[in-house]
């Protein structure tokens, strides 16, 4: 594992920011860290990035202890916060060369790193332009590139696409995937659940300073409920009668909603369940106005897990 935390605890006065935080992330994996405001995400990232010390627990990043080998950890990580760290007056290449020099590279090596990263993040054509002329997505890609000067073993991304439009978000997503493909472990905190769904191979949900769920997005979705098939029936049709007939034919109870003129089946597996519903419609001679297969979303997972009272997470 490239990043491991065991039983981290951190208290600020009366606030228990971390309350037994555990995490394990492998090499080259994008891992999403989700949670409501105040759940402890930022505190966890700061602790793993050696920016704060914890009261209890142990953690290793790239094989080094964050408490006793902080200097070695810092040489092997990148940290991209919510606000861009690049200089808007300088050009893209100038920024990257500056960061390379700050990391201790020679001028020749810093220029070589800048050229490599400009190409990697699709910024070569804009390399000499002032960053103030960059779009939001370009600026954020440059910011991530700056955190990649030394090809970190672990990259911490704290809400990297906040405030960006959809096109710019897609540009940043592509850059993050490229970073992970190169072998870097990425710990991503985000409030955009679709972002975690798109990028993360695994997701951890935090609440009250600890991890309350940790798995792939698909598994987490399945755990809160199966897929649903919803039929919209023509207004005025005998909804209860159709619910009974179709429920028998499908082998699953149909839940009618008279206000919406719909029938909903909890089908478990989407493809198989959808086929059963379609066959039942054909057998019963029913033609719906609309038919929708709906799967649980990561938003629903998030809301379900973080709505749990604190006592239930103990």
C-alpha atoms as a PDB file:
ATOM      1  CA  UNK A   1       0.000   0.000   0.000  1.00  0.00           C
ATOM      2  CA  UNK A   2       1.247   3.472  -0.862  1.00  0.00           C
ATOM      3  CA  UNK A   3      -0.814   5.215   1.803  1.00  0.00           C
ATOM      4  CA  UNK A   4      -1.862   3.672   5.129  1.00  0.00           C
ATOM      5  CA  UNK A   5      -3.506   5.219   8.197  1.00  0.00           C
ATOM      6  CA  UNK A   6      -4.451   3.372  11.365  1.00  0.00           C
ATOM      7  CA  UNK A   7      -6.515   4.802  14.207  1.00  0.00           C
ATOM      8  CA  UNK A   8      -5.723   8.478  13.653  1.00  0.00           C
ATOM      9  CA  UNK A   9      -7.214  10.778  16.282  1.00  0.00           C
ATOM     10  CA  UNK A  10      -7.051  14.565  16.419  1.00  0.00           C
ATOM     11  CA  UNK A  11      -8.896  16.863  18.787  1.00  0.00           C
ATOM     12  CA  UNK A  12      -9.268  20.643  18.586  1.00  0.00           C
ATOM     13  CA  UNK A  13     -10.605  21.700  21.967  1.00  0.00           C
ATOM     14  CA  UNK A  14     -14.015  20.062  22.319  1.00  0.00           C
ATOM     15  CA  UNK A  15     -14.100  18.978  18.668  1.00  0.00           C
ATOM     16  CA  UNK A  16     -12.943  15.460  17.783  1.00  0.00           C
ATOM     17  CA  UNK A  17     -11.839  16.097  14.180  1.00  0.00           C
ATOM     18  CA  UNK A  18     -10.466  12.568  13.665  1.00  0.00           C
ATOM     19  CA  UNK A  19     -11.889   9.723  15.718  1.00  0.00           C
ATOM     20  CA  UNK A  20     -10.136   6.512  14.686  1.00  0.00           C
ATOM     21  CA  UNK A  21      -9.494   7.284  11.009  1.00  0.00           C
ATOM     22  CA  UNK A  22      -8.325   4.239   8.995  1.00  0.00           C
ATOM     23  CA  UNK A  23      -7.374   4.146   5.316  1.00  0.00           C
ATOM     24  CA  UNK A  24      -5.337   2.017   2.900  1.00  0.00           C
ATOM     25  CA  UNK A  25      -4.697   2.987  -0.737  1.00  0.00           C
ATOM     26  CA  UNK A  26      -2.580   1.142  -3.300  1.00  0.00           C
ATOM     27  CA  UNK A  27      -0.138   2.448  -5.891  1.00  0.00           C
ATOM     28  CA  UNK A  28      -1.602   4.172  -8.953  1.00  0.00           C
ATOM     29  CA  UNK A  29      -5.128   4.230  -7.490  1.00  0.00           C
ATOM     30  CA  UNK A  30      -7.494   7.205  -7.449  1.00  0.00           C
ATOM     31  CA  UNK A  31      -9.253   7.008  -4.085  1.00  0.00           C
ATOM     32  CA  UNK A  32     -12.162   9.311  -3.282  1.00  0.00           C
ATOM     33  CA  UNK A  33     -12.576  10.684   0.243  1.00  0.00           C
ATOM     34  CA  UNK A  34     -16.115  11.960   0.754  1.00  0.00           C
ATOM     35  CA  UNK A  35     -17.969  13.417   3.690  1.00  0.00           C
ATOM     36  CA  UNK A  36     -20.102  16.362   4.784  1.00  0.00           C
ATOM     37  CA  UNK A  37     -18.555  19.609   5.965  1.00  0.00           C
ATOM     38  CA  UNK A  38     -16.909  19.000   9.315  1.00  0.00           C
ATOM     39  CA  UNK A  39     -16.511  15.254   8.751  1.00  0.00           C
ATOM     40  CA  UNK A  40     -12.717  15.499   9.056  1.00  0.00           C
ATOM     41  CA  UNK A  41     -11.589  15.232   5.421  1.00  0.00           C
ATOM     42  CA  UNK A  42      -9.281  18.245   5.474  1.00  0.00           C
ATOM     43  CA  UNK A  43      -7.847  17.264   8.851  1.00  0.00           C
ATOM     44  CA  UNK A  44      -7.099  13.782   7.515  1.00  0.00           C
ATOM     45  CA  UNK A  45      -5.349  15.162   4.433  1.00  0.00           C
ATOM     46  CA  UNK A  46      -3.313  17.614   6.521  1.00  0.00           C
ATOM     47  CA  UNK A  47      -2.238  14.821   8.851  1.00  0.00           C
ATOM     48  CA  UNK A  48      -1.211  12.537   5.980  1.00  0.00           C
ATOM     49  CA  UNK A  49       0.636  15.395   4.281  1.00  0.00           C
ATOM     50  CA  UNK A  50       2.574  16.142   7.521  1.00  0.00           C
ATOM     51  CA  UNK A  51       1.005  19.594   7.892  1.00  0.00           C
ATOM     52  CA  UNK A  52      -0.374  18.754  11.352  1.00  0.00           C
ATOM     53  CA  UNK A  53       0.464  16.165  13.978  1.00  0.00           C
ATOM     54  CA  UNK A  54      -2.160  13.791  15.354  1.00  0.00           C
ATOM     55  CA  UNK A  55      -2.856  12.899  18.964  1.00  0.00           C
ATOM     56  CA  UNK A  56      -2.944   9.145  18.386  1.00  0.00           C
ATOM     57  CA  UNK A  57      -2.474   6.605  15.614  1.00  0.00           C
ATOM     58  CA  UNK A  58       0.055   5.851  12.893  1.00  0.00           C
ATOM     59  CA  UNK A  59       0.294   6.582   9.180  1.00  0.00           C
ATOM     60  CA  UNK A  60       2.738   5.840   6.394  1.00  0.00           C
ATOM     61  CA  UNK A  61       3.000   7.521   3.006  1.00  0.00           C
ATOM     62  CA  UNK A  62       5.216   5.912   0.357  1.00  0.00           C
ATOM     63  CA  UNK A  63       6.651   3.695   3.086  1.00  0.00           C
ATOM     64  CA  UNK A  64       7.634   6.526   5.445  1.00  0.00           C
ATOM     65  CA  UNK A  65       6.104   7.386   8.806  1.00  0.00           C
ATOM     66  CA  UNK A  66       4.341  10.758   8.658  1.00  0.00           C
ATOM     67  CA  UNK A  67       5.201  11.559  12.281  1.00  0.00           C
ATOM     68  CA  UNK A  68       8.844  10.459  12.538  1.00  0.00           C
ATOM     69  CA  UNK A  69       9.952  10.784   8.888  1.00  0.00           C
ATOM     70  CA  UNK A  70       8.100  13.906   7.805  1.00  0.00           C
ATOM     71  CA  UNK A  71      10.928  15.234   5.627  1.00  0.00           C
ATOM     72  CA  UNK A  72      11.074  12.006   3.597  1.00  0.00           C
ATOM     73  CA  UNK A  73       7.299  12.046   3.194  1.00  0.00           C
ATOM     74  CA  UNK A  74       7.274  15.641   1.930  1.00  0.00           C
ATOM     75  CA  UNK A  75       9.810  14.795  -0.773  1.00  0.00           C
ATOM     76  CA  UNK A  76       7.431  12.133  -2.112  1.00  0.00           C
ATOM     77  CA  UNK A  77       4.069  13.889  -2.117  1.00  0.00           C
ATOM     78  CA  UNK A  78       2.226  16.608  -3.985  1.00  0.00           C
ATOM     79  CA  UNK A  79      -0.559  18.663  -2.434  1.00  0.00           C
ATOM     80  CA  UNK A  80      -3.046  20.649  -4.516  1.00  0.00           C
ATOM     81  CA  UNK A  81      -5.432  22.773  -2.471  1.00  0.00           C
ATOM     82  CA  UNK A  82      -8.671  24.454  -3.450  1.00  0.00           C
ATOM     83  CA  UNK A  83      -6.941  27.685  -4.484  1.00  0.00           C
ATOM     84  CA  UNK A  84      -4.444  27.778  -7.338  1.00  0.00           C
ATOM     85  CA  UNK A  85      -0.838  28.315  -6.220  1.00  0.00           C
ATOM     86  CA  UNK A  86       0.496  29.478  -9.596  1.00  0.00           C
ATOM     87  CA  UNK A  87       1.597  33.046 -10.337  1.00  0.00           C
ATOM     88  CA  UNK A  88      -0.806  34.709 -12.782  1.00  0.00           C
ATOM     89  CA  UNK A  89       1.751  37.224 -14.037  1.00  0.00           C
ATOM     90  CA  UNK A  90       4.226  34.567 -15.138  1.00  0.00           C
ATOM     91  CA  UNK A  91       3.728  32.243 -18.090  1.00  0.00           C
ATOM     92  CA  UNK A  92       3.013  28.552 -17.747  1.00  0.00           C
ATOM     93  CA  UNK A  93       6.603  27.487 -18.412  1.00  0.00           C
ATOM     94  CA  UNK A  94       7.985  30.151 -16.084  1.00  0.00           C
ATOM     95  CA  UNK A  95       5.721  28.923 -13.295  1.00  0.00           C
ATOM     96  CA  UNK A  96       6.836  25.328 -13.648  1.00  0.00           C
ATOM     97  CA  UNK A  97      10.520  26.264 -13.838  1.00  0.00           C
ATOM     98  CA  UNK A  98      10.063  28.379 -10.692  1.00  0.00           C
ATOM     99  CA  UNK A  99       8.462  25.471  -8.841  1.00  0.00           C
ATOM    100  CA  UNK A 100      11.216  23.150 -10.036  1.00  0.00           C
ATOM    101  CA  UNK A 101      13.858  25.491  -8.652  1.00  0.00           C
ATOM    102  CA  UNK A 102      11.953  25.763  -5.365  1.00  0.00           C
ATOM    103  CA  UNK A 103      11.989  21.947  -5.173  1.00  0.00           C
ATOM    104  CA  UNK A 104      15.782  22.081  -5.484  1.00  0.00           C
ATOM    105  CA  UNK A 105      16.194  21.141  -9.149  1.00  0.00           C
ATOM    106  CA  UNK A 106      18.951  22.691 -11.224  1.00  0.00           C
ATOM    107  CA  UNK A 107      17.879  25.199 -13.871  1.00  0.00           C
ATOM    108  CA  UNK A 108      18.460  22.623 -16.617  1.00  0.00           C
ATOM    109  CA  UNK A 109      16.462  19.951 -14.814  1.00  0.00           C
ATOM    110  CA  UNK A 110      13.676  22.399 -13.935  1.00  0.00           C
ATOM    111  CA  UNK A 111      13.328  23.418 -17.588  1.00  0.00           C
ATOM    112  CA  UNK A 112      13.266  19.778 -18.680  1.00  0.00           C
ATOM    113  CA  UNK A 113      10.584  18.993 -16.091  1.00  0.00           C
ATOM    114  CA  UNK A 114       8.563  22.014 -17.221  1.00  0.00           C
ATOM    115  CA  UNK A 115       8.652  20.913 -20.862  1.00  0.00           C
ATOM    116  CA  UNK A 116       7.653  17.357 -19.930  1.00  0.00           C
ATOM    117  CA  UNK A 117       4.710  18.533 -17.815  1.00  0.00           C
ATOM    118  CA  UNK A 118       3.490  21.108 -20.321  1.00  0.00           C
ATOM    119  CA  UNK A 119       3.274  18.328 -22.875  1.00  0.00           C
ATOM    120  CA  UNK A 120       1.724  15.865 -20.426  1.00  0.00           C
ATOM    121  CA  UNK A 121      -1.042  18.291 -19.436  1.00  0.00           C
ATOM    122  CA  UNK A 122      -1.693  19.698 -22.903  1.00  0.00           C
ATOM    123  CA  UNK A 123      -0.354  23.190 -22.183  1.00  0.00           C
ATOM    124  CA  UNK A 124       2.595  23.436 -24.588  1.00  0.00           C
ATOM    125  CA  UNK A 125       0.892  25.886 -26.964  1.00  0.00           C
ATOM    126  CA  UNK A 126       0.049  28.207 -24.053  1.00  0.00           C
ATOM    127  CA  UNK A 127       3.435  27.821 -22.342  1.00  0.00           C
ATOM    128  CA  UNK A 128       4.589  31.412 -22.884  1.00  0.00           C
ATOM    129  CA  UNK A 129       1.248  33.095 -22.188  1.00  0.00           C
ATOM    130  CA  UNK A 130       0.601  34.777 -18.845  1.00  0.00           C
ATOM    131  CA  UNK A 131      -1.470  32.509 -16.617  1.00  0.00           C
ATOM    132  CA  UNK A 132      -3.967  35.356 -16.193  1.00  0.00           C
ATOM    133  CA  UNK A 133      -5.083  34.623 -19.778  1.00  0.00           C
ATOM    134  CA  UNK A 134      -5.703  30.915 -19.063  1.00  0.00           C
ATOM    135  CA  UNK A 135      -9.167  29.414 -18.736  1.00  0.00           C
ATOM    136  CA  UNK A 136     -10.155  27.916 -15.376  1.00  0.00           C
ATOM    137  CA  UNK A 137      -9.451  24.398 -16.572  1.00  0.00           C
ATOM    138  CA  UNK A 138      -6.026  25.342 -17.976  1.00  0.00           C
ATOM    139  CA  UNK A 139      -5.088  27.104 -14.766  1.00  0.00           C
ATOM    140  CA  UNK A 140      -6.109  24.100 -12.685  1.00  0.00           C
ATOM    141  CA  UNK A 141      -4.173  21.716 -14.954  1.00  0.00           C
ATOM    142  CA  UNK A 142      -1.097  23.916 -14.532  1.00  0.00           C
ATOM    143  CA  UNK A 143      -1.611  23.846 -10.775  1.00  0.00           C
ATOM    144  CA  UNK A 144      -1.716  20.022 -10.808  1.00  0.00           C
ATOM    145  CA  UNK A 145       1.361  19.967 -13.058  1.00  0.00           C
ATOM    146  CA  UNK A 146       3.216  22.086 -10.499  1.00  0.00           C
ATOM    147  CA  UNK A 147       2.419  19.487  -7.846  1.00  0.00           C
ATOM    148  CA  UNK A 148       3.844  16.836 -10.159  1.00  0.00           C
ATOM    149  CA  UNK A 149       7.303  18.374 -10.619  1.00  0.00           C
ATOM    150  CA  UNK A 150       9.009  15.558  -8.722  1.00  0.00           C
ATOM    151  CA  UNK A 151       6.571  12.833  -9.867  1.00  0.00           C
ATOM    152  CA  UNK A 152       5.163  12.281  -6.367  1.00  0.00           C
ATOM    153  CA  UNK A 153       4.344   8.843  -5.047  1.00  0.00           C
ATOM    154  CA  UNK A 154       1.152  10.287  -3.567  1.00  0.00           C
ATOM    155  CA  UNK A 155      -0.832  13.298  -4.760  1.00  0.00           C
ATOM    156  CA  UNK A 156      -3.407  14.905  -2.478  1.00  0.00           C
ATOM    157  CA  UNK A 157      -6.157  16.739  -4.372  1.00  0.00           C
ATOM    158  CA  UNK A 158      -8.486  18.825  -2.219  1.00  0.00           C
ATOM    159  CA  UNK A 159     -11.640  19.650  -4.206  1.00  0.00           C
ATOM    160  CA  UNK A 160      -9.697  20.279  -7.451  1.00  0.00           C
ATOM    161  CA  UNK A 161     -12.660  21.330  -9.627  1.00  0.00           C
ATOM    162  CA  UNK A 162     -14.580  23.647  -7.298  1.00  0.00           C
ATOM    163  CA  UNK A 163     -15.995  26.539  -9.314  1.00  0.00           C
ATOM    164  CA  UNK A 164     -15.067  25.136 -12.731  1.00  0.00           C
ATOM    165  CA  UNK A 165     -17.506  24.766 -15.624  1.00  0.00           C
ATOM    166  CA  UNK A 166     -18.224  21.278 -17.066  1.00  0.00           C
ATOM    167  CA  UNK A 167     -15.627  21.581 -19.852  1.00  0.00           C
ATOM    168  CA  UNK A 168     -12.924  22.670 -17.420  1.00  0.00           C
ATOM    169  CA  UNK A 169     -13.875  19.869 -15.027  1.00  0.00           C
ATOM    170  CA  UNK A 170     -13.434  17.320 -17.825  1.00  0.00           C
ATOM    171  CA  UNK A 171      -9.990  18.748 -18.566  1.00  0.00           C
ATOM    172  CA  UNK A 172      -8.966  18.359 -14.928  1.00  0.00           C
ATOM    173  CA  UNK A 173     -10.402  14.821 -14.799  1.00  0.00           C
ATOM    174  CA  UNK A 174      -8.277  13.868 -17.797  1.00  0.00           C
ATOM    175  CA  UNK A 175      -5.194  15.279 -16.067  1.00  0.00           C
ATOM    176  CA  UNK A 176      -5.920  13.348 -12.865  1.00  0.00           C
ATOM    177  CA  UNK A 177      -6.340  10.092 -14.804  1.00  0.00           C
ATOM    178  CA  UNK A 178      -3.005  10.748 -16.521  1.00  0.00           C
ATOM    179  CA  UNK A 179      -1.296  11.253 -13.173  1.00  0.00           C
ATOM    180  CA  UNK A 180      -2.675   7.977 -11.804  1.00  0.00           C
ATOM    181  CA  UNK A 181      -1.775   6.108 -14.999  1.00  0.00           C
ATOM    182  CA  UNK A 182       1.832   7.160 -14.403  1.00  0.00           C
ATOM    183  CA  UNK A 183       1.762   5.264 -11.082  1.00  0.00           C
ATOM    184  CA  UNK A 184       0.943   8.014  -8.611  1.00  0.00           C
ATOM    185  CA  UNK A 185      -1.566   7.325  -5.845  1.00  0.00           C
ATOM    186  CA  UNK A 186      -4.228  10.051  -5.800  1.00  0.00           C
ATOM    187  CA  UNK A 187      -6.308  10.863  -2.727  1.00  0.00           C
ATOM    188  CA  UNK A 188      -9.187  13.002  -3.936  1.00  0.00           C
ATOM    189  CA  UNK A 189     -11.519  14.948  -1.674  1.00  0.00           C
ATOM    190  CA  UNK A 190     -14.535  16.382  -3.444  1.00  0.00           C
ATOM    191  CA  UNK A 191     -18.071  17.584  -2.837  1.00  0.00           C
ATOM    192  CA  UNK A 192     -19.068  16.603  -6.378  1.00  0.00           C
ATOM    193  CA  UNK A 193     -20.324  13.043  -6.047  1.00  0.00           C
ATOM    194  CA  UNK A 194     -20.318  12.517  -9.824  1.00  0.00           C
ATOM    195  CA  UNK A 195     -16.625  13.437  -9.799  1.00  0.00           C
ATOM    196  CA  UNK A 196     -15.816  10.633  -7.363  1.00  0.00           C
ATOM    197  CA  UNK A 197     -18.028   8.295  -9.383  1.00  0.00           C
ATOM    198  CA  UNK A 198     -16.154   9.156 -12.586  1.00  0.00           C
ATOM    199  CA  UNK A 199     -12.607   9.090 -11.219  1.00  0.00           C
ATOM    200  CA  UNK A 200     -12.296   6.946  -8.117  1.00  0.00           C
ATOM    201  CA  UNK A 201     -11.658   3.209  -8.210  1.00  0.00           C
ATOM    202  CA  UNK A 202     -12.624   3.113  -4.536  1.00  0.00           C
ATOM    203  CA  UNK A 203     -14.453   5.537  -2.276  1.00  0.00           C
ATOM    204  CA  UNK A 204     -14.307   6.108   1.468  1.00  0.00           C
ATOM    205  CA  UNK A 205     -17.138   7.991   3.140  1.00  0.00           C
ATOM    206  CA  UNK A 206     -16.275   9.900   6.309  1.00  0.00           C
ATOM    207  CA  UNK A 207     -18.620  10.955   9.080  1.00  0.00           C
ATOM    208  CA  UNK A 208     -17.729  12.309  12.510  1.00  0.00           C
ATOM    209  CA  UNK A 209     -13.997  11.823  11.994  1.00  0.00           C
ATOM    210  CA  UNK A 210     -13.979   8.197  10.884  1.00  0.00           C
ATOM    211  CA  UNK A 211     -14.567   6.058   7.804  1.00  0.00           C
ATOM    212  CA  UNK A 212     -18.115   4.666   7.767  1.00  0.00           C
ATOM    213  CA  UNK A 213     -17.926   2.951   4.359  1.00  0.00           C
ATOM    214  CA  UNK A 214     -15.126   1.932   2.014  1.00  0.00           C
ATOM    215  CA  UNK A 215     -15.610   0.115  -1.290  1.00  0.00           C
ATOM    216  CA  UNK A 216     -16.010   0.603  -5.023  1.00  0.00           C
ATOM    217  CA  UNK A 217     -18.759   3.035  -6.076  1.00  0.00           C
ATOM    218  CA  UNK A 218     -20.790   0.205  -7.642  1.00  0.00           C
ATOM    219  CA  UNK A 219     -20.725  -1.929  -4.502  1.00  0.00           C
ATOM    220  CA  UNK A 220     -21.707   1.014  -2.306  1.00  0.00           C
ATOM    221  CA  UNK A 221     -24.640   1.750  -4.598  1.00  0.00           C
ATOM    222  CA  UNK A 222     -25.855  -1.827  -4.512  1.00  0.00           C
ATOM    223  CA  UNK A 223     -25.700  -1.904  -0.718  1.00  0.00           C
ATOM    224  CA  UNK A 224     -28.316   0.834  -0.338  1.00  0.00           C
ATOM    225  CA  UNK A 225     -30.817  -0.810  -2.672  1.00  0.00           C
ATOM    226  CA  UNK A 226     -31.313  -2.517  -5.992  1.00  0.00           C
ATOM    227  CA  UNK A 227     -32.153  -1.084  -9.363  1.00  0.00           C
ATOM    228  CA  UNK A 228     -35.670   0.145 -10.048  1.00  0.00           C
ATOM    229  CA  UNK A 229     -37.815  -0.040 -13.157  1.00  0.00           C
ATOM    230  CA  UNK A 230     -40.511   2.627 -13.295  1.00  0.00           C
ATOM    231  CA  UNK A 231     -43.413   2.569 -15.751  1.00  0.00           C
ATOM    232  CA  UNK A 232     -45.489   5.624 -16.550  1.00  0.00           C
ATOM    233  CA  UNK A 233     -49.076   4.611 -17.255  1.00  0.00           C
ATOM    234  CA  UNK A 234     -51.631   6.627 -19.239  1.00  0.00           C
ATOM    235  CA  UNK A 235     -53.710   8.899 -16.980  1.00  0.00           C
ATOM    236  CA  UNK A 236     -57.026   7.328 -16.022  1.00  0.00           C
ATOM    237  CA  UNK A 237     -55.813   3.731 -16.387  1.00  0.00           C
ATOM    238  CA  UNK A 238     -56.728   1.380 -13.509  1.00  0.00           C
ATOM    239  CA  UNK A 239     -53.383   1.702 -11.721  1.00  0.00           C
ATOM    240  CA  UNK A 240     -54.096  -0.675  -8.814  1.00  0.00           C
ATOM    241  CA  UNK A 241     -55.423  -3.359 -11.145  1.00  0.00           C
ATOM    242  CA  UNK A 242     -52.365  -3.044 -13.409  1.00  0.00           C
ATOM    243  CA  UNK A 243     -50.073  -3.158 -10.368  1.00  0.00           C
ATOM    244  CA  UNK A 244     -51.616  -6.458  -9.294  1.00  0.00           C
ATOM    245  CA  UNK A 245     -51.524  -8.029 -12.785  1.00  0.00           C
ATOM    246  CA  UNK A 246     -48.003  -6.942 -13.589  1.00  0.00           C
ATOM    247  CA  UNK A 247     -46.750  -7.778 -10.109  1.00  0.00           C
ATOM    248  CA  UNK A 248     -47.902 -11.375 -10.565  1.00  0.00           C
ATOM    249  CA  UNK A 249     -46.400 -11.568 -14.075  1.00  0.00           C
ATOM    250  CA  UNK A 250     -43.043 -10.098 -13.025  1.00  0.00           C
ATOM    251  CA  UNK A 251     -42.917 -11.954  -9.727  1.00  0.00           C
ATOM    252  CA  UNK A 252     -42.109  -8.718  -7.877  1.00  0.00           C
ATOM    253  CA  UNK A 253     -44.663  -6.422  -6.202  1.00  0.00           C
ATOM    254  CA  UNK A 254     -45.366  -3.224  -8.140  1.00  0.00           C
ATOM    255  CA  UNK A 255     -45.568  -0.022  -6.087  1.00  0.00           C
ATOM    256  CA  UNK A 256     -48.182   2.327  -7.562  1.00  0.00           C
ATOM    257  CA  UNK A 257     -48.013   6.121  -7.348  1.00  0.00           C
ATOM    258  CA  UNK A 258     -51.399   7.539  -8.283  1.00  0.00           C
ATOM    259  CA  UNK A 259     -50.168  11.138  -8.288  1.00  0.00           C
ATOM    260  CA  UNK A 260     -47.452  10.400 -10.849  1.00  0.00           C
ATOM    261  CA  UNK A 261     -49.317   7.597 -12.697  1.00  0.00           C
ATOM    262  CA  UNK A 262     -46.360   5.275 -12.239  1.00  0.00           C
ATOM    263  CA  UNK A 263     -45.620   1.701 -11.197  1.00  0.00           C
ATOM    264  CA  UNK A 264     -42.208   0.916  -9.732  1.00  0.00           C
ATOM    265  CA  UNK A 265     -40.510  -2.475  -9.416  1.00  0.00           C
ATOM    266  CA  UNK A 266     -37.464  -3.064  -7.153  1.00  0.00           C
ATOM    267  CA  UNK A 267     -35.694  -5.409  -9.558  1.00  0.00           C
ATOM    268  CA  UNK A 268     -32.312  -5.928  -7.907  1.00  0.00           C
ATOM    269  CA  UNK A 269     -30.221  -6.516 -11.028  1.00  0.00           C
ATOM    270  CA  UNK A 270     -31.005  -3.940 -13.704  1.00  0.00           C
ATOM    271  CA  UNK A 271     -30.591  -5.897 -16.951  1.00  0.00           C
ATOM    272  CA  UNK A 272     -32.299  -9.077 -15.727  1.00  0.00           C
ATOM    273  CA  UNK A 273     -35.068  -7.169 -13.971  1.00  0.00           C
ATOM    274  CA  UNK A 274     -35.707  -4.952 -16.962  1.00  0.00           C
ATOM    275  CA  UNK A 275     -36.099  -8.018 -19.184  1.00  0.00           C
ATOM    276  CA  UNK A 276     -38.627  -9.533 -16.765  1.00  0.00           C
ATOM    277  CA  UNK A 277     -40.685  -6.341 -16.707  1.00  0.00           C
ATOM    278  CA  UNK A 278     -40.687  -6.040 -20.504  1.00  0.00           C
ATOM    279  CA  UNK A 279     -41.779  -9.666 -20.900  1.00  0.00           C
ATOM    280  CA  UNK A 280     -44.580  -9.132 -18.367  1.00  0.00           C
ATOM    281  CA  UNK A 281     -45.786  -6.040 -20.232  1.00  0.00           C
ATOM    282  CA  UNK A 282     -45.949  -8.074 -23.425  1.00  0.00           C
ATOM    283  CA  UNK A 283     -47.786 -10.942 -21.734  1.00  0.00           C
ATOM    284  CA  UNK A 284     -50.349  -8.596 -20.178  1.00  0.00           C
ATOM    285  CA  UNK A 285     -50.774  -6.512 -23.319  1.00  0.00           C
ATOM    286  CA  UNK A 286     -49.795  -3.291 -21.521  1.00  0.00           C
ATOM    287  CA  UNK A 287     -48.007  -0.472 -23.344  1.00  0.00           C
ATOM    288  CA  UNK A 288     -46.607   2.143 -20.939  1.00  0.00           C
ATOM    289  CA  UNK A 289     -46.078   5.755 -21.909  1.00  0.00           C
ATOM    290  CA  UNK A 290     -42.535   5.581 -20.562  1.00  0.00           C
ATOM    291  CA  UNK A 291     -40.193   3.002 -19.050  1.00  0.00           C
ATOM    292  CA  UNK A 292     -37.080   3.937 -17.069  1.00  0.00           C
ATOM    293  CA  UNK A 293     -34.359   1.831 -15.460  1.00  0.00           C
ATOM    294  CA  UNK A 294     -32.953   3.766 -12.525  1.00  0.00           C
ATOM    295  CA  UNK A 295     -29.875   2.816 -10.552  1.00  0.00           C
ATOM    296  CA  UNK A 296     -28.907   4.166  -7.117  1.00  0.00           C
ATOM    297  CA  UNK A 297     -26.495   7.099  -7.289  1.00  0.00           C
ATOM    298  CA  UNK A 298     -23.439   7.917  -5.223  1.00  0.00           C
ATOM    299  CA  UNK A 299     -25.398  10.922  -3.951  1.00  0.00           C
ATOM    300  CA  UNK A 300     -27.918   8.532  -2.401  1.00  0.00           C
ATOM    301  CA  UNK A 301     -25.086   6.492  -0.869  1.00  0.00           C
ATOM    302  CA  UNK A 302     -23.601   9.666   0.589  1.00  0.00           C
ATOM    303  CA  UNK A 303     -26.896  10.899   2.028  1.00  0.00           C
ATOM    304  CA  UNK A 304     -27.740   7.497   3.490  1.00  0.00           C
ATOM    305  CA  UNK A 305     -24.379   6.988   5.156  1.00  0.00           C
ATOM    306  CA  UNK A 306     -23.850  10.499   6.467  1.00  0.00           C
ATOM    307  CA  UNK A 307     -27.374  10.736   7.835  1.00  0.00           C
ATOM    308  CA  UNK A 308     -26.488   8.025  10.349  1.00  0.00           C
ATOM    309  CA  UNK A 309     -26.469   9.349  13.918  1.00  0.00           C
ATOM    310  CA  UNK A 310     -23.056   9.572  15.539  1.00  0.00           C
ATOM    311  CA  UNK A 311     -23.859   6.768  17.970  1.00  0.00           C
ATOM    312  CA  UNK A 312     -24.523   4.407  15.053  1.00  0.00           C
ATOM    313  CA  UNK A 313     -21.002   4.877  13.699  1.00  0.00           C
ATOM    314  CA  UNK A 314     -19.318   3.884  16.936  1.00  0.00           C
END
